[in-house]
Each structure stands twice: as structure tokens, then as C-alpha cells.
């Protein structure tokens, strides 16, 4: 029998070694694109993805301060933190496909397989940059806050889309331009180019989240903006803080009609 989308997604989630996870993500996306996977959701996703022995995962409030990234050590710490975000994002994309793909037409799998492949590429670029700077992924502690958001929304695709792409990834649109400027300011153009590529891809990821959120809302006859606001209040533990990158958010279709009502002063 042809391997299913669920089997491919679960293989990604079950890979602990970073290189193995990247390879599994690329293989799943390629196999789906080439028609080698059945649009079938016959396996449950795990409660938690496999993780390597390192980095050590700490609660967010126990994470060491990174500084502002001016020194080489500070830059390495920041790149490591960004690499960990991208590593976790691989699992978020494939969990979304494997857990909820059966509720949507194949176009949903098209989009999130591509997102997962993008996240794998982003991680690989940042991991390679760490090695160029004499470090590696796992050399510093990290936190598991992104997967906490997945666990909180594992029961409801609307909640997952509202919180992960439309809050957490959208926040990346807000903060990444300033991070690029910081690397450019100290002459680290190699890292700045990687982050510019990631920023451009993340606009597409936020757009995919918004498109499928609105599709699900239409199916249930929900008003998208007020439904999103209610879900974020219920399931997101942080604050929506300005400044917002309105131009990037608008490019993704995530207008102020969504987030202005929840923005803190």
C-alpha cells in the first residue's frame, strides 16, 4: 500500500537527530509533490515529537540572557536561538498536516508540506552558519515554548492556525527586520542574508495560516476576525505587543482588523 501523508508526517515527528529530521521533512515534501503519498490520515500524531539529547530544554524563565548580539558570542547565541525556533517549526508544520489534514482538501497538505520543507531548509542554513562560526546546534540551552503552543491547540485546528502561524510566525515578521539590521551593523552579512530569506518565506507561511483559518471559518459560518481574537485570548499565553510590521502582515493578508483589538498599548 502507498505510504500515507500521516505516515510521512509521523516519520518527521519521530526523528530525533536534527539531520534525520531535516532529511525526513524534505523526503515527505518531495514524495507528496511527486504523488508518492496517499491523502490518507491513518495514524495518530505523537503527543510530543522526538528531540535530540542536546540542546538542553529549559523553561523560558530559566533561559540565560543572550545580550544584543554585538559580540561574536552574542551573535552565536542569537543564531542558536533562531535555529532552535526553526527546528521546532519543522515539527509544527508536519504535526499540523498529520493531525488536521484530513479535515481539509489536498491543498492544505500542499501548503503545509511546503512550509515544513521551508522550515527544514531554514534550520539547515542556520545550523551551517553556526558551524562556520565554530559552534553547532545543541551547544546552548533552548526552550520548548513553541511546542507548548502546539500542545495547547492539539484539539482544534482553528486554535492551532490562530496561534501558531497567525501569532507566533507573525511575530517573526515583526522582529526579524531589526535582527537583520543588527547583523548587518556588525558586518555579518552572511547571517543577514539567511534571515532575509527566512523573512520572505515567513510571509508565505503566515498567509497560508490565514487562508486556511478563513476557509475553516467559512465552513462553520464564523466571522474570522472575532473568532481569531476569541481563540487567541483563550489559547495564547503571551501579549500582542507593538511595533508590528504592518507591511509584511498586510502582504500575508493579516490586517489590523485581526490584531489591533488585542494589541497592548
C-alpha atoms as a PDB file:
ATOM      1  CA  UNK A   1       0.000   0.000   0.000  1.00  0.00           C
ATOM      2  CA  UNK A   2       1.201   3.515  -0.807  1.00  0.00           C
ATOM      3  CA  UNK A   3       2.619   5.348   2.184  1.00  0.00           C
ATOM      4  CA  UNK A   4       0.190   7.871   3.617  1.00  0.00           C
ATOM      5  CA  UNK A   5       0.611  11.544   4.455  1.00  0.00           C
ATOM      6  CA  UNK A   6       0.142  10.607   8.106  1.00  0.00           C
ATOM      7  CA  UNK A   7       2.986   8.061   7.937  1.00  0.00           C
ATOM      8  CA  UNK A   8       5.310  10.625   6.361  1.00  0.00           C
ATOM      9  CA  UNK A   9       4.385  13.298   8.926  1.00  0.00           C
ATOM     10  CA  UNK A  10       4.855  10.898  11.805  1.00  0.00           C
ATOM     11  CA  UNK A  11       8.285   9.923  10.472  1.00  0.00           C
ATOM     12  CA  UNK A  12       9.341  13.566  10.691  1.00  0.00           C
ATOM     13  CA  UNK A  13       7.994  13.924  14.218  1.00  0.00           C
ATOM     14  CA  UNK A  14       9.684  10.679  15.252  1.00  0.00           C
ATOM     15  CA  UNK A  15      13.158  11.714  14.058  1.00  0.00           C
ATOM     16  CA  UNK A  16      15.249  12.979  16.996  1.00  0.00           C
ATOM     17  CA  UNK A  17      18.543  13.646  15.243  1.00  0.00           C
ATOM     18  CA  UNK A  18      18.465  17.080  13.547  1.00  0.00           C
ATOM     19  CA  UNK A  19      19.947  15.835  10.283  1.00  0.00           C
ATOM     20  CA  UNK A  20      17.499  12.915  10.221  1.00  0.00           C
ATOM     21  CA  UNK A  21      14.585  15.281  10.853  1.00  0.00           C
ATOM     22  CA  UNK A  22      15.666  17.573   8.025  1.00  0.00           C
ATOM     23  CA  UNK A  23      16.028  14.604   5.653  1.00  0.00           C
ATOM     24  CA  UNK A  24      12.632  13.206   6.665  1.00  0.00           C
ATOM     25  CA  UNK A  25      10.987  16.596   6.143  1.00  0.00           C
ATOM     26  CA  UNK A  26      12.499  17.024   2.706  1.00  0.00           C
ATOM     27  CA  UNK A  27      11.586  13.472   1.732  1.00  0.00           C
ATOM     28  CA  UNK A  28       7.975  13.893   2.867  1.00  0.00           C
ATOM     29  CA  UNK A  29       7.541  17.138   0.956  1.00  0.00           C
ATOM     30  CA  UNK A  30       9.192  15.692  -2.159  1.00  0.00           C
ATOM     31  CA  UNK A  31       7.139  12.496  -2.045  1.00  0.00           C
ATOM     32  CA  UNK A  32       3.913  14.454  -1.686  1.00  0.00           C
ATOM     33  CA  UNK A  33       4.835  16.767  -4.559  1.00  0.00           C
ATOM     34  CA  UNK A  34       5.619  13.774  -6.793  1.00  0.00           C
ATOM     35  CA  UNK A  35       2.388  11.969  -5.948  1.00  0.00           C
ATOM     36  CA  UNK A  36       4.032   9.211  -3.926  1.00  0.00           C
ATOM     37  CA  UNK A  37       1.914   9.735  -0.790  1.00  0.00           C
ATOM     38  CA  UNK A  38      -1.747   8.880  -0.385  1.00  0.00           C
ATOM     39  CA  UNK A  39      -4.005  11.612   1.003  1.00  0.00           C
ATOM     40  CA  UNK A  40      -4.789   9.372   3.929  1.00  0.00           C
ATOM     41  CA  UNK A  41      -4.681  10.065   7.660  1.00  0.00           C
ATOM     42  CA  UNK A  42      -4.500   6.645   9.220  1.00  0.00           C
ATOM     43  CA  UNK A  43      -2.042   7.243  12.073  1.00  0.00           C
ATOM     44  CA  UNK A  44      -2.307   9.446  15.141  1.00  0.00           C
ATOM     45  CA  UNK A  45       0.398  12.020  15.740  1.00  0.00           C
ATOM     46  CA  UNK A  46       2.515  11.684  18.907  1.00  0.00           C
ATOM     47  CA  UNK A  47       1.848  13.934  21.903  1.00  0.00           C
ATOM     48  CA  UNK A  48       5.422  15.215  21.653  1.00  0.00           C
ATOM     49  CA  UNK A  49       7.991  14.991  18.857  1.00  0.00           C
ATOM     50  CA  UNK A  50      11.324  13.248  19.326  1.00  0.00           C
ATOM     51  CA  UNK A  51      14.132  15.530  20.445  1.00  0.00           C
ATOM     52  CA  UNK A  52      17.926  15.152  20.424  1.00  0.00           C
ATOM     53  CA  UNK A  53      19.861  14.886  23.688  1.00  0.00           C
ATOM     54  CA  UNK A  54      21.098  18.437  23.119  1.00  0.00           C
ATOM     55  CA  UNK A  55      20.155  21.241  23.376  1.00  0.00           C
ATOM     56  CA  UNK A  56      19.049  21.042  26.985  1.00  0.00           C
ATOM     57  CA  UNK A  57      15.459  22.301  27.136  1.00  0.00           C
ATOM     58  CA  UNK A  58      14.759  24.798  29.904  1.00  0.00           C
ATOM     59  CA  UNK A  59      11.627  26.715  30.905  1.00  0.00           C
ATOM     60  CA  UNK A  60      11.610  30.139  29.210  1.00  0.00           C
ATOM     61  CA  UNK A  61      12.148  31.925  32.539  1.00  0.00           C
ATOM     62  CA  UNK A  62      15.374  29.969  33.139  1.00  0.00           C
ATOM     63  CA  UNK A  63      16.966  30.764  29.798  1.00  0.00           C
ATOM     64  CA  UNK A  64      20.254  32.703  30.067  1.00  0.00           C
ATOM     65  CA  UNK A  65      20.290  36.257  28.741  1.00  0.00           C
ATOM     66  CA  UNK A  66      21.692  36.475  25.222  1.00  0.00           C
ATOM     67  CA  UNK A  67      22.622  40.141  25.079  1.00  0.00           C
ATOM     68  CA  UNK A  68      22.048  42.145  21.916  1.00  0.00           C
ATOM     69  CA  UNK A  69      24.221  40.184  19.520  1.00  0.00           C
ATOM     70  CA  UNK A  70      27.068  42.692  19.086  1.00  0.00           C
ATOM     71  CA  UNK A  71      29.875  40.339  20.141  1.00  0.00           C
ATOM     72  CA  UNK A  72      30.591  37.117  18.283  1.00  0.00           C
ATOM     73  CA  UNK A  73      29.450  35.135  21.302  1.00  0.00           C
ATOM     74  CA  UNK A  74      26.213  37.122  21.398  1.00  0.00           C
ATOM     75  CA  UNK A  75      25.670  36.583  17.686  1.00  0.00           C
ATOM     76  CA  UNK A  76      26.216  32.852  18.035  1.00  0.00           C
ATOM     77  CA  UNK A  77      23.732  32.718  20.910  1.00  0.00           C
ATOM     78  CA  UNK A  78      21.138  34.575  18.838  1.00  0.00           C
ATOM     79  CA  UNK A  79      21.682  32.364  15.789  1.00  0.00           C
ATOM     80  CA  UNK A  80      21.369  29.290  18.018  1.00  0.00           C
ATOM     81  CA  UNK A  81      18.054  30.562  19.382  1.00  0.00           C
ATOM     82  CA  UNK A  82      16.790  31.188  15.855  1.00  0.00           C
ATOM     83  CA  UNK A  83      17.950  27.741  14.726  1.00  0.00           C
ATOM     84  CA  UNK A  84      16.008  26.174  17.578  1.00  0.00           C
ATOM     85  CA  UNK A  85      12.870  28.065  16.544  1.00  0.00           C
ATOM     86  CA  UNK A  86      13.232  26.731  13.003  1.00  0.00           C
ATOM     87  CA  UNK A  87      13.914  23.208  14.292  1.00  0.00           C
ATOM     88  CA  UNK A  88      10.692  23.289  16.330  1.00  0.00           C
ATOM     89  CA  UNK A  89       8.842  24.795  13.360  1.00  0.00           C
ATOM     90  CA  UNK A  90       9.581  21.667  11.285  1.00  0.00           C
ATOM     91  CA  UNK A  91       7.571  19.624  13.783  1.00  0.00           C
ATOM     92  CA  UNK A  92       4.816  22.225  13.993  1.00  0.00           C
ATOM     93  CA  UNK A  93       4.262  22.104  10.231  1.00  0.00           C
ATOM     94  CA  UNK A  94       4.201  18.313   9.972  1.00  0.00           C
ATOM     95  CA  UNK A  95       2.064  17.904  13.079  1.00  0.00           C
ATOM     96  CA  UNK A  96      -0.427  20.303  11.506  1.00  0.00           C
ATOM     97  CA  UNK A  97      -0.523  18.181   8.343  1.00  0.00           C
ATOM     98  CA  UNK A  98      -0.709  14.838  10.103  1.00  0.00           C
ATOM     99  CA  UNK A  99      -3.133  15.875  12.831  1.00  0.00           C
ATOM    100  CA  UNK A 100      -5.588  18.006  10.865  1.00  0.00           C
ATOM    101  CA  UNK A 101      -5.029  17.352   7.152  1.00  0.00           C
ATOM    102  CA  UNK A 102      -7.993  15.006   6.908  1.00  0.00           C
ATOM    103  CA  UNK A 103     -10.330  17.922   7.670  1.00  0.00           C
ATOM    104  CA  UNK A 104      -9.260  19.792   4.519  1.00  0.00           C
ATOM    105  CA  UNK A 105      -8.834  19.282   0.778  1.00  0.00           C
ATOM    106  CA  UNK A 106      -5.383  18.307  -0.567  1.00  0.00           C
ATOM    107  CA  UNK A 107      -4.434  21.965  -0.997  1.00  0.00           C
ATOM    108  CA  UNK A 108      -3.979  22.160   2.773  1.00  0.00           C
ATOM    109  CA  UNK A 109      -1.378  19.395   2.595  1.00  0.00           C
ATOM    110  CA  UNK A 110       0.246  21.145  -0.394  1.00  0.00           C
ATOM    111  CA  UNK A 111       0.781  24.288   1.664  1.00  0.00           C
ATOM    112  CA  UNK A 112       1.940  22.741   4.934  1.00  0.00           C
ATOM    113  CA  UNK A 113       4.275  20.236   3.301  1.00  0.00           C
ATOM    114  CA  UNK A 114       5.939  23.202   1.607  1.00  0.00           C
ATOM    115  CA  UNK A 115       6.058  25.109   4.895  1.00  0.00           C
ATOM    116  CA  UNK A 116       7.664  22.104   6.579  1.00  0.00           C
ATOM    117  CA  UNK A 117      10.288  21.840   3.831  1.00  0.00           C
ATOM    118  CA  UNK A 118      10.976  25.574   4.150  1.00  0.00           C
ATOM    119  CA  UNK A 119      11.475  25.268   7.914  1.00  0.00           C
ATOM    120  CA  UNK A 120      13.882  22.369   7.380  1.00  0.00           C
ATOM    121  CA  UNK A 121      15.859  24.472   4.914  1.00  0.00           C
ATOM    122  CA  UNK A 122      15.895  27.437   7.329  1.00  0.00           C
ATOM    123  CA  UNK A 123      17.214  25.235  10.129  1.00  0.00           C
ATOM    124  CA  UNK A 124      19.888  23.735   7.879  1.00  0.00           C
ATOM    125  CA  UNK A 125      21.086  27.200   6.819  1.00  0.00           C
ATOM    126  CA  UNK A 126      21.331  28.431  10.415  1.00  0.00           C
ATOM    127  CA  UNK A 127      22.991  25.221  11.606  1.00  0.00           C
ATOM    128  CA  UNK A 128      25.586  25.560   8.859  1.00  0.00           C
ATOM    129  CA  UNK A 129      26.167  29.178   9.868  1.00  0.00           C
ATOM    130  CA  UNK A 130      26.714  28.117  13.477  1.00  0.00           C
ATOM    131  CA  UNK A 131      29.357  25.630  12.316  1.00  0.00           C
ATOM    132  CA  UNK A 132      31.048  28.325  10.240  1.00  0.00           C
ATOM    133  CA  UNK A 133      31.305  30.383  13.437  1.00  0.00           C
ATOM    134  CA  UNK A 134      32.802  27.486  15.399  1.00  0.00           C
ATOM    135  CA  UNK A 135      29.649  26.334  17.174  1.00  0.00           C
ATOM    136  CA  UNK A 136      26.781  23.935  16.457  1.00  0.00           C
ATOM    137  CA  UNK A 137      23.112  23.363  17.203  1.00  0.00           C
ATOM    138  CA  UNK A 138      22.811  21.904  20.687  1.00  0.00           C
ATOM    139  CA  UNK A 139      25.784  23.793  22.111  1.00  0.00           C
ATOM    140  CA  UNK A 140      23.493  26.043  24.185  1.00  0.00           C
ATOM    141  CA  UNK A 141      20.237  25.525  26.086  1.00  0.00           C
ATOM    142  CA  UNK A 142      16.890  26.280  24.462  1.00  0.00           C
ATOM    143  CA  UNK A 143      13.249  26.325  25.489  1.00  0.00           C
ATOM    144  CA  UNK A 144      10.238  24.406  24.237  1.00  0.00           C
ATOM    145  CA  UNK A 145       7.683  27.216  24.234  1.00  0.00           C
ATOM    146  CA  UNK A 146       6.688  26.636  20.611  1.00  0.00           C
ATOM    147  CA  UNK A 147       5.679  23.049  21.276  1.00  0.00           C
ATOM    148  CA  UNK A 148       3.749  24.217  24.347  1.00  0.00           C
ATOM    149  CA  UNK A 149       1.596  26.208  21.901  1.00  0.00           C
ATOM    150  CA  UNK A 150       1.081  23.060  19.806  1.00  0.00           C
ATOM    151  CA  UNK A 151       0.035  21.038  22.847  1.00  0.00           C
ATOM    152  CA  UNK A 152      -2.394  23.768  23.902  1.00  0.00           C
ATOM    153  CA  UNK A 153      -4.099  23.661  20.487  1.00  0.00           C
ATOM    154  CA  UNK A 154      -3.867  19.942  19.674  1.00  0.00           C
ATOM    155  CA  UNK A 155      -7.647  19.537  19.902  1.00  0.00           C
ATOM    156  CA  UNK A 156      -8.727  22.284  17.475  1.00  0.00           C
ATOM    157  CA  UNK A 157      -7.345  23.235  14.068  1.00  0.00           C
ATOM    158  CA  UNK A 158      -8.822  26.732  14.285  1.00  0.00           C
ATOM    159  CA  UNK A 159      -6.972  27.314  17.543  1.00  0.00           C
ATOM    160  CA  UNK A 160      -3.752  25.896  16.071  1.00  0.00           C
ATOM    161  CA  UNK A 161      -3.926  28.112  12.986  1.00  0.00           C
ATOM    162  CA  UNK A 162      -4.849  31.141  15.085  1.00  0.00           C
ATOM    163  CA  UNK A 163      -1.929  30.757  17.492  1.00  0.00           C
ATOM    164  CA  UNK A 164       0.958  29.213  15.549  1.00  0.00           C
ATOM    165  CA  UNK A 165       1.103  30.841  12.106  1.00  0.00           C
ATOM    166  CA  UNK A 166      -1.097  33.869  12.860  1.00  0.00           C
ATOM    167  CA  UNK A 167       0.512  34.868  16.171  1.00  0.00           C
ATOM    168  CA  UNK A 168       3.895  33.192  16.599  1.00  0.00           C
ATOM    169  CA  UNK A 169       5.065  33.264  12.985  1.00  0.00           C
ATOM    170  CA  UNK A 170       3.542  36.709  12.511  1.00  0.00           C
ATOM    171  CA  UNK A 171       5.661  37.877  15.432  1.00  0.00           C
ATOM    172  CA  UNK A 172       8.676  36.770  13.429  1.00  0.00           C
ATOM    173  CA  UNK A 173       7.634  39.220  10.715  1.00  0.00           C
ATOM    174  CA  UNK A 174       7.729  41.977  13.338  1.00  0.00           C
ATOM    175  CA  UNK A 175      11.119  41.278  14.917  1.00  0.00           C
ATOM    176  CA  UNK A 176      13.221  39.853  12.086  1.00  0.00           C
ATOM    177  CA  UNK A 177      13.878  43.136  10.200  1.00  0.00           C
ATOM    178  CA  UNK A 178      15.544  44.661  13.280  1.00  0.00           C
ATOM    179  CA  UNK A 179      17.549  41.458  13.780  1.00  0.00           C
ATOM    180  CA  UNK A 180      18.755  41.659  10.176  1.00  0.00           C
ATOM    181  CA  UNK A 181      19.859  45.243  10.797  1.00  0.00           C
ATOM    182  CA  UNK A 182      21.824  44.181  13.885  1.00  0.00           C
ATOM    183  CA  UNK A 183      23.761  41.577  11.925  1.00  0.00           C
ATOM    184  CA  UNK A 184      24.362  43.990   9.053  1.00  0.00           C
ATOM    185  CA  UNK A 185      25.602  46.626  11.513  1.00  0.00           C
ATOM    186  CA  UNK A 186      28.425  44.360  12.719  1.00  0.00           C
ATOM    187  CA  UNK A 187      29.317  43.198   9.199  1.00  0.00           C
ATOM    188  CA  UNK A 188      27.747  39.741   9.443  1.00  0.00           C
ATOM    189  CA  UNK A 189      26.147  39.896   6.025  1.00  0.00           C
ATOM    190  CA  UNK A 190      26.078  36.099   5.690  1.00  0.00           C
ATOM    191  CA  UNK A 191      23.653  35.742   8.604  1.00  0.00           C
ATOM    192  CA  UNK A 192      21.690  38.788   7.446  1.00  0.00           C
ATOM    193  CA  UNK A 193      21.139  37.148   4.040  1.00  0.00           C
ATOM    194  CA  UNK A 194      19.870  33.956   5.677  1.00  0.00           C
ATOM    195  CA  UNK A 195      17.431  35.921   7.840  1.00  0.00           C
ATOM    196  CA  UNK A 196      16.215  37.918   4.838  1.00  0.00           C
ATOM    197  CA  UNK A 197      15.415  34.670   3.048  1.00  0.00           C
ATOM    198  CA  UNK A 198      13.612  33.374   6.143  1.00  0.00           C
ATOM    199  CA  UNK A 199      11.615  36.606   6.471  1.00  0.00           C
ATOM    200  CA  UNK A 200      10.404  36.375   2.874  1.00  0.00           C
ATOM    201  CA  UNK A 201       9.328  32.763   3.347  1.00  0.00           C
ATOM    202  CA  UNK A 202       7.565  33.524   6.618  1.00  0.00           C
ATOM    203  CA  UNK A 203       5.227  35.946   4.843  1.00  0.00           C
ATOM    204  CA  UNK A 204       4.011  32.960   2.813  1.00  0.00           C
ATOM    205  CA  UNK A 205       3.656  30.859   5.972  1.00  0.00           C
ATOM    206  CA  UNK A 206       1.532  33.462   7.719  1.00  0.00           C
ATOM    207  CA  UNK A 207      -0.537  33.810   4.545  1.00  0.00           C
ATOM    208  CA  UNK A 208      -1.134  30.047   4.471  1.00  0.00           C
ATOM    209  CA  UNK A 209      -2.265  30.121   8.086  1.00  0.00           C
ATOM    210  CA  UNK A 210      -4.634  32.984   7.415  1.00  0.00           C
ATOM    211  CA  UNK A 211      -6.055  31.437   4.222  1.00  0.00           C
ATOM    212  CA  UNK A 212      -6.834  28.085   5.858  1.00  0.00           C
ATOM    213  CA  UNK A 213      -8.126  29.736   9.014  1.00  0.00           C
ATOM    214  CA  UNK A 214     -10.563  31.766   6.944  1.00  0.00           C
ATOM    215  CA  UNK A 215     -11.506  28.666   4.941  1.00  0.00           C
ATOM    216  CA  UNK A 216     -12.382  26.782   8.134  1.00  0.00           C
ATOM    217  CA  UNK A 217     -14.287  29.784   9.487  1.00  0.00           C
ATOM    218  CA  UNK A 218     -16.315  29.980   6.280  1.00  0.00           C
ATOM    219  CA  UNK A 219     -17.176  26.289   6.563  1.00  0.00           C
ATOM    220  CA  UNK A 220     -18.526  26.864  10.079  1.00  0.00           C
ATOM    221  CA  UNK A 221     -20.067  30.264   9.281  1.00  0.00           C
ATOM    222  CA  UNK A 222     -17.768  32.035  11.780  1.00  0.00           C
ATOM    223  CA  UNK A 223     -16.593  35.641  11.468  1.00  0.00           C
ATOM    224  CA  UNK A 224     -12.810  35.274  11.013  1.00  0.00           C
ATOM    225  CA  UNK A 225     -11.542  38.321  12.911  1.00  0.00           C
ATOM    226  CA  UNK A 226     -13.664  37.950  16.036  1.00  0.00           C
ATOM    227  CA  UNK A 227     -13.190  34.167  16.057  1.00  0.00           C
ATOM    228  CA  UNK A 228      -9.424  34.653  15.877  1.00  0.00           C
ATOM    229  CA  UNK A 229      -9.491  37.167  18.709  1.00  0.00           C
ATOM    230  CA  UNK A 230     -11.514  34.824  20.928  1.00  0.00           C
ATOM    231  CA  UNK A 231      -9.168  31.896  20.227  1.00  0.00           C
ATOM    232  CA  UNK A 232      -6.051  33.958  20.882  1.00  0.00           C
ATOM    233  CA  UNK A 233      -7.446  35.207  24.188  1.00  0.00           C
ATOM    234  CA  UNK A 234      -8.213  31.623  25.185  1.00  0.00           C
ATOM    235  CA  UNK A 235      -5.093  29.804  23.991  1.00  0.00           C
ATOM    236  CA  UNK A 236      -2.193  32.265  23.745  1.00  0.00           C
ATOM    237  CA  UNK A 237      -0.393  32.987  26.996  1.00  0.00           C
ATOM    238  CA  UNK A 238       1.604  35.986  25.844  1.00  0.00           C
ATOM    239  CA  UNK A 239       0.825  39.531  24.753  1.00  0.00           C
ATOM    240  CA  UNK A 240       0.491  41.008  21.287  1.00  0.00           C
ATOM    241  CA  UNK A 241       2.977  43.846  21.571  1.00  0.00           C
ATOM    242  CA  UNK A 242       3.851  46.512  19.021  1.00  0.00           C
ATOM    243  CA  UNK A 243       5.702  47.501  16.949  1.00  0.00           C
ATOM    244  CA  UNK A 244       4.008  45.495  14.211  1.00  0.00           C
ATOM    245  CA  UNK A 245       5.438  45.040  10.731  1.00  0.00           C
ATOM    246  CA  UNK A 246       2.211  46.143   9.101  1.00  0.00           C
ATOM    247  CA  UNK A 247       3.557  45.917   5.545  1.00  0.00           C
ATOM    248  CA  UNK A 248       4.646  42.274   5.919  1.00  0.00           C
ATOM    249  CA  UNK A 249       1.462  41.406   7.784  1.00  0.00           C
ATOM    250  CA  UNK A 250      -0.629  43.059   5.082  1.00  0.00           C
ATOM    251  CA  UNK A 251       1.284  41.116   2.419  1.00  0.00           C
ATOM    252  CA  UNK A 252       0.145  37.957   4.238  1.00  0.00           C
ATOM    253  CA  UNK A 253      -3.436  39.254   4.458  1.00  0.00           C
ATOM    254  CA  UNK A 254      -3.197  39.554   8.250  1.00  0.00           C
ATOM    255  CA  UNK A 255      -4.650  43.043   8.533  1.00  0.00           C
ATOM    256  CA  UNK A 256      -5.129  45.201  11.599  1.00  0.00           C
ATOM    257  CA  UNK A 257      -8.769  44.092  11.669  1.00  0.00           C
ATOM    258  CA  UNK A 258      -7.402  40.904  13.228  1.00  0.00           C
ATOM    259  CA  UNK A 259      -4.849  42.068  15.770  1.00  0.00           C
ATOM    260  CA  UNK A 260      -5.457  45.723  16.621  1.00  0.00           C
ATOM    261  CA  UNK A 261      -8.151  44.900  19.184  1.00  0.00           C
ATOM    262  CA  UNK A 262      -5.717  42.675  21.129  1.00  0.00           C
ATOM    263  CA  UNK A 263      -2.613  44.859  20.868  1.00  0.00           C
ATOM    264  CA  UNK A 264      -1.301  46.119  24.206  1.00  0.00           C
ATOM    265  CA  UNK A 265      -0.638  49.874  24.402  1.00  0.00           C
END
